Amino acid sequence: MKVLAVCDKFKGSLSSVQVNHFLEKGILLKNGKSEILSIPMADGGEGTSEVLLASVKVQKRYVDTIDPLGRKITAWYLVGEKGEVYIESAMICGLSLLKAGEKDPKLTHSGGLGIVLRNAVQGGAKTIHLFLGGSATNDGGAGMAKELEVIFYDKNGAEIYPAGGNLKEVERIKKPENRDYHIHVWTDTNIVLTGDSGASHMYAQQKGAKEGDVEDLEKGMVHFTKVVERDLHKKGEHLIPGAGAAGGLAYGCMVFFDASVDLASPFLFRLAGVEKALEECDVVITGEGSLDRQSLTGKLVSQIAVGAKKYHKKCIAVCGQNKLSENEWSDLGISEVFAIISIQPDVNRAVSGAEEYLVQIGQEIAERYTKNPKV
């Protein structure tokens, strides 16, 4: 029996490698004859660089930059054999860089990512693969653009360093015309930029926004898009699927740098050989920390489920907690969901003991599926 384990990280608890490992341990305890193929995976957010390191011949390049609140940090990106660059934005402007009390998308910005991009361009990069996900920002990519010679002015003609909370003050934009590099943006979600299903309404609260802040952030973003349309003659980009990824970083890349935008998972799948593994396995296990509404917007679990359905393979999801209805996850092509919270209702204990509970879940999966994958 061949089992493919291709799980995302359990955010704040376990890496993708660890999730796969403990599931494998449980499966083998119950059915030692199972053949387990474990592929660490990410969706463009945290952990993407580890997937790239395991899948592509690359070297690390370190650079001094700033975090989402403007504090000095050192980050790194990857350079391939042909000079192509791979950058995980979560390392530079990710939510994980901030303490709980520091999270505030009105104040955070993506300037640090702009500094890293500038370093890559100055180093001769012509092709840049930029992975978006897990950001602490909601600035439409304006902070990033500021560090790449795009200038933002207020109504008095004074320059602004844009963040999520002051996009409403941007009244004029000027950007340089000549660029000799191309950015491929790979996102963790296919949401649009504005509206009820856009960046502010979908993600700002988990980035620290209070309920009353969300509408202010949305109004600022809508105002910002109108200035972009007038000054840069870019119309409709805010409605393109994926534009809202990472607080609108994808949108910023499109309107300021003419970037292409696609979901990261299929690209990472190709690099890591997931397609072949899906074709050859008998049972697929995927998962993430929380199955919820966001999982339906092109996240890793949904992409794996689609691939499993393509090859008529049984797909099982494992998570810390499941907030989806049975109709929602079965519509994705998932046969069953195993949630740690169903074993241990205490959230703190569920997180601290995730390894033990994943081993238990692995045993249950082995008992129910590896002996007869058609169950």
Protein backbone atom coordinates (compact mmCIF):
# COMPACT_ATOMS: atom_id res chain seq x y z
CA MET A 1 0.00 0.00 0.00
CA LYS A 2 1.50 3.34 -1.06
CA VAL A 3 0.48 6.41 0.94
CA LEU A 4 1.34 9.96 -0.10
CA ALA A 5 1.63 12.44 2.78
CA VAL A 6 1.73 16.01 1.52
CA CYS A 7 0.67 18.30 4.35
CA ASP A 8 1.17 21.98 4.97
CA LYS A 9 2.55 23.26 8.29
CA PHE A 10 0.33 23.45 11.36
CA LYS A 11 0.90 27.13 11.96
CA GLY A 12 2.38 27.89 15.37
CA SER A 13 2.84 24.19 16.12
CA LEU A 14 4.57 21.93 13.58
CA SER A 15 6.38 22.24 10.27
CA SER A 16 5.25 20.40 7.16
CA VAL A 17 8.10 17.90 7.64
CA GLN A 18 7.00 17.22 11.22
CA VAL A 19 3.32 16.77 10.36
CA ASN A 20 4.18 14.24 7.68
CA HIS A 21 6.63 12.47 10.00
CA PHE A 22 4.20 11.89 12.87
CA LEU A 23 1.44 10.73 10.54
CA GLU A 24 3.90 8.31 8.94
CA LYS A 25 4.94 7.04 12.37
CA GLY A 26 1.33 6.29 13.27
CA ILE A 27 0.58 4.57 9.99
CA LEU A 28 3.61 2.30 10.27
CA LEU A 29 2.79 1.39 13.88
CA LYS A 30 -0.53 0.00 12.69
CA ASN A 31 0.49 -1.25 9.24
CA GLY A 32 4.23 -1.76 8.88
CA LYS A 33 3.86 -2.89 5.29
CA SER A 34 2.68 0.52 4.11
CA GLU A 35 4.98 2.45 1.80
CA ILE A 36 4.96 6.13 2.77
CA LEU A 37 6.05 8.89 0.42
CA SER A 38 6.42 12.11 2.37
CA ILE A 39 6.67 15.39 0.46
CA PRO A 40 7.03 18.57 2.53
CA MET A 41 4.85 21.25 1.00
CA ALA A 42 3.76 24.86 1.39
CA ASP A 43 1.29 27.13 -0.35
CA GLY A 44 3.50 30.18 -0.84
CA GLY A 45 3.57 31.25 2.79
CA GLU A 46 5.83 30.14 5.62
CA GLY A 47 7.88 27.06 4.81
CA THR A 48 8.03 27.68 1.06
CA SER A 49 11.79 28.22 1.12
CA GLU A 50 12.30 24.81 2.74
CA VAL A 51 10.30 23.21 -0.08
CA LEU A 52 12.45 25.04 -2.62
CA LEU A 53 15.68 24.00 -0.90
CA ALA A 54 14.57 20.38 -1.18
CA SER A 55 13.39 20.66 -4.78
CA VAL A 56 15.69 23.06 -6.68
CA LYS A 57 19.46 23.59 -6.87
CA VAL A 58 19.78 26.95 -5.16
CA GLN A 59 22.07 28.96 -2.90
CA LYS A 60 21.13 31.29 -0.06
CA ARG A 61 21.88 35.00 -0.30
CA TYR A 62 21.60 37.05 2.89
CA VAL A 63 20.46 40.66 2.98
CA ASP A 64 19.87 43.29 5.66
CA THR A 65 16.33 44.59 5.57
CA ILE A 66 13.45 45.59 7.87
CA ASP A 67 10.45 43.82 9.37
CA PRO A 68 6.78 44.90 8.98
CA LEU A 69 7.27 47.60 11.63
CA GLY A 70 10.49 48.93 10.15
CA ARG A 71 12.94 47.25 12.53
CA LYS A 72 16.25 45.94 11.21
CA ILE A 73 16.42 42.22 10.45
CA THR A 74 18.52 39.90 8.29
CA ALA A 75 16.67 37.76 5.76
CA TRP A 76 17.70 35.48 2.94
CA TYR A 77 16.46 34.48 -0.47
CA LEU A 78 17.47 31.81 -2.95
CA VAL A 79 19.37 32.07 -6.23
CA GLY A 80 19.13 29.29 -8.80
CA GLU A 81 21.70 27.96 -11.26
CA LYS A 82 20.52 30.29 -14.03
CA GLY A 83 20.42 33.35 -11.80
CA GLU A 84 16.69 33.15 -11.14
CA VAL A 85 15.66 34.35 -7.68
CA TYR A 86 13.16 32.85 -5.25
CA ILE A 87 11.86 35.03 -2.39
CA GLU A 88 9.52 33.97 0.41
CA SER A 89 7.80 37.16 1.53
CA ALA A 90 6.77 35.69 4.90
CA MET A 91 10.42 35.79 5.96
CA ILE A 92 10.45 39.56 5.55
CA CYS A 93 6.95 40.87 6.23
CA GLY A 94 5.31 37.81 7.77
CA LEU A 95 2.94 37.74 10.72
CA SER A 96 5.27 35.35 12.55
CA LEU A 97 7.84 38.17 12.91
CA LEU A 98 5.55 40.08 15.28
CA LYS A 99 4.50 39.46 18.86
CA ALA A 100 0.78 39.31 19.61
CA GLY A 101 0.63 42.89 20.88
CA GLU A 102 2.48 44.23 17.84
CA LYS A 103 0.05 43.02 15.20
CA ASP A 104 -1.71 45.96 13.58
CA PRO A 105 -2.26 46.14 9.80
CA LYS A 106 -2.81 49.89 10.06
CA LEU A 107 0.87 50.29 10.99
CA THR A 108 2.61 47.42 9.20
CA HIS A 109 4.02 47.76 5.70
CA SER A 110 5.86 45.74 3.06
CA GLY A 111 8.89 48.01 2.72
CA GLY A 112 11.28 45.27 3.82
CA LEU A 113 10.27 43.16 0.85
CA GLY A 114 11.04 46.08 -1.44
CA ILE A 115 14.55 46.27 0.03
CA VAL A 116 15.11 42.57 -0.65
CA LEU A 117 13.77 42.88 -4.20
CA ARG A 118 16.09 45.84 -4.78
CA ASN A 119 19.04 43.77 -3.57
CA ALA A 120 18.12 40.96 -5.97
CA VAL A 121 17.78 43.35 -8.92
CA GLN A 122 21.07 45.07 -8.10
CA GLY A 123 22.63 41.60 -8.00
CA GLY A 124 21.59 41.06 -11.61
CA ALA A 125 18.34 39.11 -11.25
CA LYS A 126 16.16 39.14 -14.38
CA THR A 127 13.60 36.56 -13.27
CA ILE A 128 12.19 36.75 -9.75
CA HIS A 129 9.79 34.22 -8.25
CA LEU A 130 8.01 35.93 -5.37
CA PHE A 131 5.98 33.76 -2.99
CA LEU A 132 3.21 35.48 -1.05
CA GLY A 133 1.42 34.29 2.06
CA GLY A 134 1.29 34.73 5.81
CA SER A 135 1.88 38.47 5.67
CA ALA A 136 1.36 40.93 8.53
CA THR A 137 0.49 43.68 6.07
CA ASN A 138 -2.52 45.18 4.35
CA ASP A 139 -0.86 47.95 2.32
CA GLY A 140 -1.56 46.86 -1.26
CA GLY A 141 2.18 46.42 -1.83
CA ALA A 142 2.74 50.18 -1.56
CA GLY A 143 5.48 49.87 1.06
CA MET A 144 7.34 47.45 -1.19
CA ALA A 145 6.95 49.81 -4.15
CA LYS A 146 8.24 52.76 -2.11
CA GLU A 147 11.59 50.98 -1.71
CA LEU A 148 11.71 50.44 -5.48
CA GLU A 149 11.52 54.12 -6.44
CA VAL A 150 7.75 54.51 -6.57
CA ILE A 151 6.80 57.80 -4.92
CA PHE A 152 3.54 58.44 -3.06
CA TYR A 153 2.28 61.96 -2.33
CA ASP A 154 -0.45 63.30 -0.07
CA LYS A 155 -2.85 66.13 -0.95
CA ASN A 156 -0.21 68.72 0.01
CA GLY A 157 2.42 67.22 -2.28
CA ALA A 158 4.45 65.75 0.60
CA GLU A 159 5.90 62.26 0.23
CA ILE A 160 4.26 59.44 2.20
CA TYR A 161 5.77 56.17 3.39
CA PRO A 162 2.65 54.05 2.90
CA ALA A 163 1.26 51.52 5.37
CA GLY A 164 -2.16 49.94 5.71
CA GLY A 165 -3.59 52.79 7.71
CA ASN A 166 -2.56 55.71 5.53
CA LEU A 167 -3.44 54.48 2.04
CA LYS A 168 -6.43 56.82 2.24
CA GLU A 169 -3.97 59.75 2.28
CA VAL A 170 -2.31 58.83 -1.03
CA GLU A 171 -3.38 61.37 -3.66
CA ARG A 172 -0.73 60.99 -6.35
CA ILE A 173 1.66 58.27 -7.48
CA LYS A 174 4.76 58.48 -9.63
CA LYS A 175 6.76 55.46 -10.76
CA PRO A 176 9.83 54.90 -12.93
CA GLU A 177 9.16 53.48 -16.37
CA ASN A 178 12.19 51.36 -17.23
CA ARG A 179 12.55 47.89 -15.70
CA ASP A 180 14.62 45.06 -17.09
CA TYR A 181 13.39 42.26 -14.82
CA HIS A 182 10.19 40.26 -14.49
CA ILE A 183 8.42 39.19 -11.31
CA HIS A 184 6.35 36.00 -11.18
CA VAL A 185 4.05 36.24 -8.18
CA TRP A 186 2.96 32.96 -6.61
CA THR A 187 0.14 33.31 -4.09
CA ASP A 188 -1.37 31.25 -1.28
CA THR A 189 -4.92 32.33 -2.12
CA ASN A 190 -6.98 33.43 -5.11
CA ILE A 191 -8.97 36.18 -3.35
CA VAL A 192 -9.49 39.56 -4.98
CA LEU A 193 -8.24 42.79 -3.42
CA THR A 194 -11.41 44.59 -2.34
CA GLY A 195 -14.98 43.78 -1.38
CA ASP A 196 -16.50 41.36 1.12
CA SER A 197 -14.23 38.56 -0.17
CA GLY A 198 -11.16 40.77 -0.45
CA ALA A 199 -7.96 41.16 1.54
CA SER A 200 -9.24 43.43 4.31
CA HIS A 201 -12.44 41.56 5.07
CA MET A 202 -10.92 38.09 4.76
CA TYR A 203 -7.59 38.47 6.52
CA ALA A 204 -7.14 41.79 8.35
CA GLN A 205 -8.57 40.58 11.66
CA GLN A 206 -6.11 37.69 11.91
CA LYS A 207 -3.38 40.28 11.31
CA GLY A 208 -4.47 42.23 14.37
CA ALA A 209 -7.18 44.54 13.06
CA LYS A 210 -10.01 45.32 15.44
CA GLU A 211 -13.52 44.95 14.08
CA GLY A 212 -13.87 48.69 13.53
CA ASP A 213 -10.54 48.83 11.68
CA VAL A 214 -11.54 46.47 8.90
CA GLU A 215 -13.89 48.88 7.18
CA ASP A 216 -11.35 51.71 7.47
CA LEU A 217 -8.69 49.49 5.88
CA GLU A 218 -11.13 48.56 3.13
CA LYS A 219 -11.98 52.20 2.42
CA GLY A 220 -8.28 53.05 2.27
CA MET A 221 -7.63 50.20 -0.14
CA VAL A 222 -10.52 51.21 -2.41
CA HIS A 223 -9.25 54.81 -2.44
CA PHE A 224 -5.75 53.56 -3.25
CA THR A 225 -6.99 51.55 -6.26
CA LYS A 226 -8.74 54.63 -7.64
CA VAL A 227 -5.52 56.65 -7.48
CA VAL A 228 -3.66 53.78 -9.17
CA GLU A 229 -6.27 53.65 -11.94
CA ARG A 230 -5.99 57.39 -12.58
CA ASP A 231 -2.22 57.84 -12.32
CA LEU A 232 -0.93 54.50 -13.62
CA HIS A 233 -3.80 53.68 -16.00
CA LYS A 234 -4.22 50.26 -14.41
CA LYS A 235 -7.90 49.36 -14.35
CA GLY A 236 -9.46 46.20 -12.99
CA GLU A 237 -6.37 44.57 -11.50
CA HIS A 238 -7.96 44.71 -8.03
CA LEU A 239 -10.61 42.26 -9.26
CA ILE A 240 -8.16 39.69 -10.60
CA PRO A 241 -8.15 36.44 -8.54
CA GLY A 242 -5.05 36.46 -6.34
CA ALA A 243 -4.71 40.24 -6.26
CA GLY A 244 -5.64 40.29 -2.56
CA ALA A 245 -2.94 37.83 -1.52
CA ALA A 246 -0.66 38.97 1.32
CA GLY A 247 -2.67 42.08 2.02
CA GLY A 248 -2.62 43.12 -1.62
CA LEU A 249 1.08 42.55 -2.25
CA ALA A 250 0.10 40.69 -5.41
CA TYR A 251 -1.89 43.72 -6.55
CA GLY A 252 1.10 45.99 -5.94
CA CYS A 253 3.34 43.74 -7.99
CA MET A 254 0.84 43.80 -10.86
CA VAL A 255 0.24 47.53 -11.02
CA PHE A 256 3.77 48.73 -10.26
CA PHE A 257 5.88 46.01 -11.93
CA ASP A 258 3.54 44.29 -14.42
CA ALA A 259 3.97 40.98 -12.60
CA SER A 260 2.16 37.78 -13.52
CA VAL A 261 0.11 36.20 -10.72
CA ASP A 262 -0.79 32.54 -10.16
CA LEU A 263 -1.41 30.17 -7.27
CA ALA A 264 1.82 28.88 -5.73
CA SER A 265 0.72 25.33 -5.00
CA PRO A 266 0.65 24.02 -8.60
CA PHE A 267 4.10 25.55 -9.25
CA LEU A 268 5.56 24.01 -6.08
CA PHE A 269 3.86 20.71 -6.92
CA ARG A 270 5.73 20.62 -10.24
CA LEU A 271 9.05 21.37 -8.60
CA ALA A 272 8.56 18.70 -5.91
CA GLY A 273 7.12 15.99 -8.19
CA VAL A 274 3.70 15.91 -6.53
CA GLU A 275 1.84 15.14 -9.76
CA LYS A 276 3.75 11.90 -10.33
CA ALA A 277 3.33 10.93 -6.69
CA LEU A 278 -0.44 11.48 -6.88
CA GLU A 279 -0.62 9.26 -9.93
CA GLU A 280 1.34 6.43 -8.30
CA CYS A 281 -0.08 6.38 -4.76
CA ASP A 282 -3.13 4.57 -3.41
CA VAL A 283 -4.15 7.01 -0.66
CA VAL A 284 -3.44 10.73 -0.25
CA ILE A 285 -3.17 12.53 3.08
CA THR A 286 -3.08 16.31 3.17
CA GLY A 287 -3.72 18.84 5.89
CA GLU A 288 -3.11 22.15 7.62
CA GLY A 289 -3.57 23.65 11.05
CA SER A 290 -7.10 24.91 10.47
CA LEU A 291 -9.60 23.84 7.84
CA ASP A 292 -11.80 26.89 7.39
CA ARG A 293 -13.24 29.30 4.88
CA GLN A 294 -9.76 30.33 3.77
CA SER A 295 -9.00 26.71 2.82
CA LEU A 296 -11.55 27.07 0.04
CA THR A 297 -9.69 29.97 -1.63
CA GLY A 298 -6.96 27.98 -3.39
CA LYS A 299 -5.02 26.89 -0.31
CA LEU A 300 -2.82 23.79 -0.32
CA VAL A 301 -5.45 21.34 0.95
CA SER A 302 -7.90 22.26 -1.78
CA GLN A 303 -5.21 21.96 -4.45
CA ILE A 304 -4.15 18.51 -3.26
CA ALA A 305 -7.79 17.40 -3.12
CA VAL A 306 -8.27 18.52 -6.72
CA GLY A 307 -5.19 16.54 -7.77
CA ALA A 308 -6.34 13.44 -5.92
CA LYS A 309 -9.74 13.67 -7.60
CA LYS A 310 -8.03 13.92 -10.99
CA TYR A 311 -6.38 10.53 -10.42
CA HIS A 312 -9.39 9.01 -8.63
CA LYS A 313 -7.48 8.62 -5.38
CA LYS A 314 -8.92 8.65 -1.88
CA CYS A 315 -8.03 11.95 -0.20
CA ILE A 316 -7.98 12.35 3.58
CA ALA A 317 -7.49 15.66 5.39
CA VAL A 318 -5.82 16.08 8.78
CA CYS A 319 -6.02 19.31 10.77
CA GLY A 320 -5.82 20.86 14.20
CA GLN A 321 -9.41 22.06 13.99
CA ASN A 322 -12.08 21.78 11.33
CA LYS A 323 -14.46 24.71 10.78
CA LEU A 324 -15.89 23.46 7.49
CA SER A 325 -19.16 21.64 7.05
CA GLU A 326 -19.16 18.13 5.62
CA ASN A 327 -20.64 19.48 2.39
CA GLU A 328 -17.81 22.01 2.07
CA TRP A 329 -14.96 19.57 2.52
CA SER A 330 -16.59 16.76 0.55
CA ASP A 331 -17.16 19.17 -2.35
CA LEU A 332 -13.38 19.64 -2.42
CA GLY A 333 -13.01 15.90 -2.95
CA ILE A 334 -12.03 15.01 0.61
CA SER A 335 -13.32 11.66 1.90
CA GLU A 336 -12.84 12.27 5.61
CA VAL A 337 -11.42 14.85 7.99
CA PHE A 338 -9.44 13.94 11.11
CA ALA A 339 -9.12 16.85 13.57
CA ILE A 340 -6.89 16.89 16.64
CA ILE A 341 -9.47 18.99 18.48
CA SER A 342 -11.87 16.03 18.22
CA ILE A 343 -9.41 13.99 20.29
CA GLN A 344 -8.30 16.80 22.63
CA PRO A 345 -10.86 19.62 22.98
CA ASP A 346 -8.49 21.79 25.02
CA VAL A 347 -6.79 23.97 22.39
CA ASN A 348 -3.58 24.52 24.38
CA ARG A 349 -3.17 20.80 24.99
CA ALA A 350 -4.05 20.04 21.38
CA VAL A 351 -1.24 22.33 20.22
CA SER A 352 1.36 21.20 22.75
CA GLY A 353 0.58 17.52 22.17
CA ALA A 354 0.08 17.69 18.41
CA GLU A 355 2.82 15.11 17.77
CA GLU A 356 1.09 12.49 19.93
CA TYR A 357 -2.33 13.14 18.43
CA LEU A 358 -1.04 12.99 14.87
CA VAL A 359 0.46 9.59 15.61
CA GLN A 360 -2.97 8.49 16.86
CA ILE A 361 -4.61 9.85 13.74
CA GLY A 362 -2.03 8.08 11.59
CA GLN A 363 -2.94 4.79 13.28
CA GLU A 364 -6.63 5.36 12.66
CA ILE A 365 -6.00 6.20 9.01
CA ALA A 366 -3.95 3.02 8.63
CA GLU A 367 -6.69 0.94 10.20
CA ARG A 368 -9.43 2.38 8.04
CA TYR A 369 -7.73 3.10 4.71
CA THR A 370 -4.39 1.42 4.08
CA LYS A 371 -5.77 -2.08 4.24
CA ASN A 372 -8.55 -1.24 1.82
CA PRO A 373 -8.14 2.14 0.05
CA LYS A 374 -11.57 1.79 -1.53
CA VAL A 375 -13.33 2.18 1.84
